[in-house]
Amino acid sequence: MRLPIIKQTHGLIKDHGVEELKNTINLLEQVGEFRGIKDEELDVVGELLSNFYGALEVHREVEQGVPEREALNAFMKRVMGSIG
């Protein structure tokens, strides 16, 4: 996951609405199930999905009143904690 991508995607949610991102996620999930997709392509789709789901999580926290910077930092701490 990359924090700059999550942050920019959250900005797109603010500008265009959460439904647009959900539609994009749905499309990418379907692409990931295509026959003949290469492993490298699947890795890219998976990375994008991870970042987009992260942006949704940050967006939910911001809607609950958490400042964006704090929500981004808390999310990344949770991710790093789950890795280690």
C-alpha atoms as a PDB file:
ATOM      1  CA  MET A   1       0.000   0.000   0.000  1.00  0.00           C
ATOM      2  CA  ARG A   2       1.149   3.464  -0.782  1.00  0.00           C
ATOM      3  CA  LEU A   3       0.014   6.371   1.342  1.00  0.00           C
ATOM      4  CA  PRO A   4       0.216   8.969  -1.486  1.00  0.00           C
ATOM      5  CA  ILE A   5      -2.131   6.872  -3.639  1.00  0.00           C
ATOM      6  CA  ILE A   6      -4.559   6.404  -0.750  1.00  0.00           C
ATOM      7  CA  LYS A   7      -4.471  10.141  -0.030  1.00  0.00           C
ATOM      8  CA  GLN A   8      -5.083  11.105  -3.663  1.00  0.00           C
ATOM      9  CA  THR A   9      -7.855   8.545  -3.991  1.00  0.00           C
ATOM     10  CA  HIS A  10      -9.503   9.954  -0.873  1.00  0.00           C
ATOM     11  CA  GLY A  11      -9.367  13.359  -2.574  1.00  0.00           C
ATOM     12  CA  LEU A  12     -11.163  11.875  -5.571  1.00  0.00           C
ATOM     13  CA  ILE A  13     -13.847  10.504  -3.267  1.00  0.00           C
ATOM     14  CA  LYS A  14     -14.366  14.001  -1.886  1.00  0.00           C
ATOM     15  CA  ASP A  15     -14.629  15.419  -5.412  1.00  0.00           C
ATOM     16  CA  HIS A  16     -16.613  12.689  -7.184  1.00  0.00           C
ATOM     17  CA  GLY A  17     -18.313  10.624  -4.500  1.00  0.00           C
ATOM     18  CA  VAL A  18     -17.753   7.215  -3.005  1.00  0.00           C
ATOM     19  CA  GLU A  19     -19.933   5.420  -5.579  1.00  0.00           C
ATOM     20  CA  GLU A  20     -17.476   6.125  -8.372  1.00  0.00           C
ATOM     21  CA  LEU A  21     -14.681   4.446  -6.423  1.00  0.00           C
ATOM     22  CA  LYS A  22     -16.925   1.511  -5.536  1.00  0.00           C
ATOM     23  CA  ASN A  23     -17.702   1.050  -9.239  1.00  0.00           C
ATOM     24  CA  THR A  24     -13.986   1.099 -10.014  1.00  0.00           C
ATOM     25  CA  ILE A  25     -13.321  -1.476  -7.299  1.00  0.00           C
ATOM     26  CA  ASN A  26     -16.063  -3.694  -8.701  1.00  0.00           C
ATOM     27  CA  LEU A  27     -14.547  -3.463 -12.177  1.00  0.00           C
ATOM     28  CA  LEU A  28     -11.039  -4.285 -10.941  1.00  0.00           C
ATOM     29  CA  GLU A  29     -12.324  -7.260  -8.960  1.00  0.00           C
ATOM     30  CA  GLN A  30     -13.913  -8.599 -12.128  1.00  0.00           C
ATOM     31  CA  VAL A  31     -10.737  -7.978 -14.139  1.00  0.00           C
ATOM     32  CA  GLY A  32      -8.838  -9.993 -11.551  1.00  0.00           C
ATOM     33  CA  GLU A  33     -11.007 -12.986 -12.388  1.00  0.00           C
ATOM     34  CA  PHE A  34     -10.433 -12.859 -16.165  1.00  0.00           C
ATOM     35  CA  ARG A  35      -8.960 -15.952 -17.729  1.00  0.00           C
ATOM     36  CA  GLY A  36      -5.553 -15.384 -19.217  1.00  0.00           C
ATOM     37  CA  ILE A  37      -4.569 -12.529 -16.939  1.00  0.00           C
ATOM     38  CA  LYS A  38      -0.839 -12.627 -16.264  1.00  0.00           C
ATOM     39  CA  ASP A  39       0.607 -12.784 -12.770  1.00  0.00           C
ATOM     40  CA  GLU A  40       2.224  -9.349 -13.165  1.00  0.00           C
ATOM     41  CA  GLU A  41      -1.112  -7.864 -14.236  1.00  0.00           C
ATOM     42  CA  LEU A  42      -2.861  -9.529 -11.324  1.00  0.00           C
ATOM     43  CA  ASP A  43      -0.267  -8.042  -8.957  1.00  0.00           C
ATOM     44  CA  VAL A  44      -1.033  -4.553 -10.277  1.00  0.00           C
ATOM     45  CA  VAL A  45      -4.785  -5.078  -9.932  1.00  0.00           C
ATOM     46  CA  GLY A  46      -4.278  -6.353  -6.379  1.00  0.00           C
ATOM     47  CA  GLU A  47      -2.122  -3.369  -5.452  1.00  0.00           C
ATOM     48  CA  LEU A  48      -4.705  -0.952  -6.832  1.00  0.00           C
ATOM     49  CA  LEU A  49      -7.489  -2.714  -4.954  1.00  0.00           C
ATOM     50  CA  SER A  50      -5.513  -2.562  -1.706  1.00  0.00           C
ATOM     51  CA  ASN A  51      -4.997   1.168  -2.107  1.00  0.00           C
ATOM     52  CA  PHE A  52      -8.622   1.794  -3.064  1.00  0.00           C
ATOM     53  CA  TYR A  53      -9.964  -0.181  -0.106  1.00  0.00           C
ATOM     54  CA  GLY A  54      -7.559   1.764   2.097  1.00  0.00           C
ATOM     55  CA  ALA A  55      -8.958   5.018   0.745  1.00  0.00           C
ATOM     56  CA  LEU A  56     -12.486   3.833   1.545  1.00  0.00           C
ATOM     57  CA  GLU A  57     -11.416   3.040   5.103  1.00  0.00           C
ATOM     58  CA  VAL A  58      -9.827   6.479   5.499  1.00  0.00           C
ATOM     59  CA  HIS A  59     -12.945   8.090   4.021  1.00  0.00           C
ATOM     60  CA  ARG A  60     -15.174   6.340   6.579  1.00  0.00           C
ATOM     61  CA  GLU A  61     -13.034   7.641   9.425  1.00  0.00           C
ATOM     62  CA  VAL A  62     -13.020  11.182   8.027  1.00  0.00           C
ATOM     63  CA  GLU A  63     -16.821  11.051   7.760  1.00  0.00           C
ATOM     64  CA  GLN A  64     -16.888  10.175  11.469  1.00  0.00           C
ATOM     65  CA  GLY A  65     -14.989  13.367  12.246  1.00  0.00           C
ATOM     66  CA  VAL A  66     -11.385  12.165  12.305  1.00  0.00           C
ATOM     67  CA  PRO A  67      -9.031  14.674  10.622  1.00  0.00           C
ATOM     68  CA  GLU A  68      -7.723  13.350   7.300  1.00  0.00           C
ATOM     69  CA  ARG A  69      -4.065  13.323   8.308  1.00  0.00           C
ATOM     70  CA  GLU A  70      -4.863  11.464  11.519  1.00  0.00           C
ATOM     71  CA  ALA A  71      -7.052   8.946   9.668  1.00  0.00           C
ATOM     72  CA  LEU A  72      -4.298   8.314   7.105  1.00  0.00           C
ATOM     73  CA  ASN A  73      -1.647   7.823   9.796  1.00  0.00           C
ATOM     74  CA  ALA A  74      -3.871   5.546  11.874  1.00  0.00           C
ATOM     75  CA  PHE A  75      -4.690   3.435   8.847  1.00  0.00           C
ATOM     76  CA  MET A  76      -1.042   2.982   7.914  1.00  0.00           C
ATOM     77  CA  LYS A  77      -0.169   2.082  11.517  1.00  0.00           C
ATOM     78  CA  ARG A  78      -2.850  -0.634  11.425  1.00  0.00           C
ATOM     79  CA  VAL A  79      -1.463  -1.941   8.135  1.00  0.00           C
ATOM     80  CA  MET A  80       2.106  -1.956   9.410  1.00  0.00           C
ATOM     81  CA  GLY A  81       0.979  -3.625  12.635  1.00  0.00           C
ATOM     82  CA  SER A  82      -0.746  -6.392  10.722  1.00  0.00           C
ATOM     83  CA  ILE A  83       2.370  -7.011   8.620  1.00  0.00           C
ATOM     84  CA  GLY A  84       4.778  -7.213  11.551  1.00  0.00           C
END
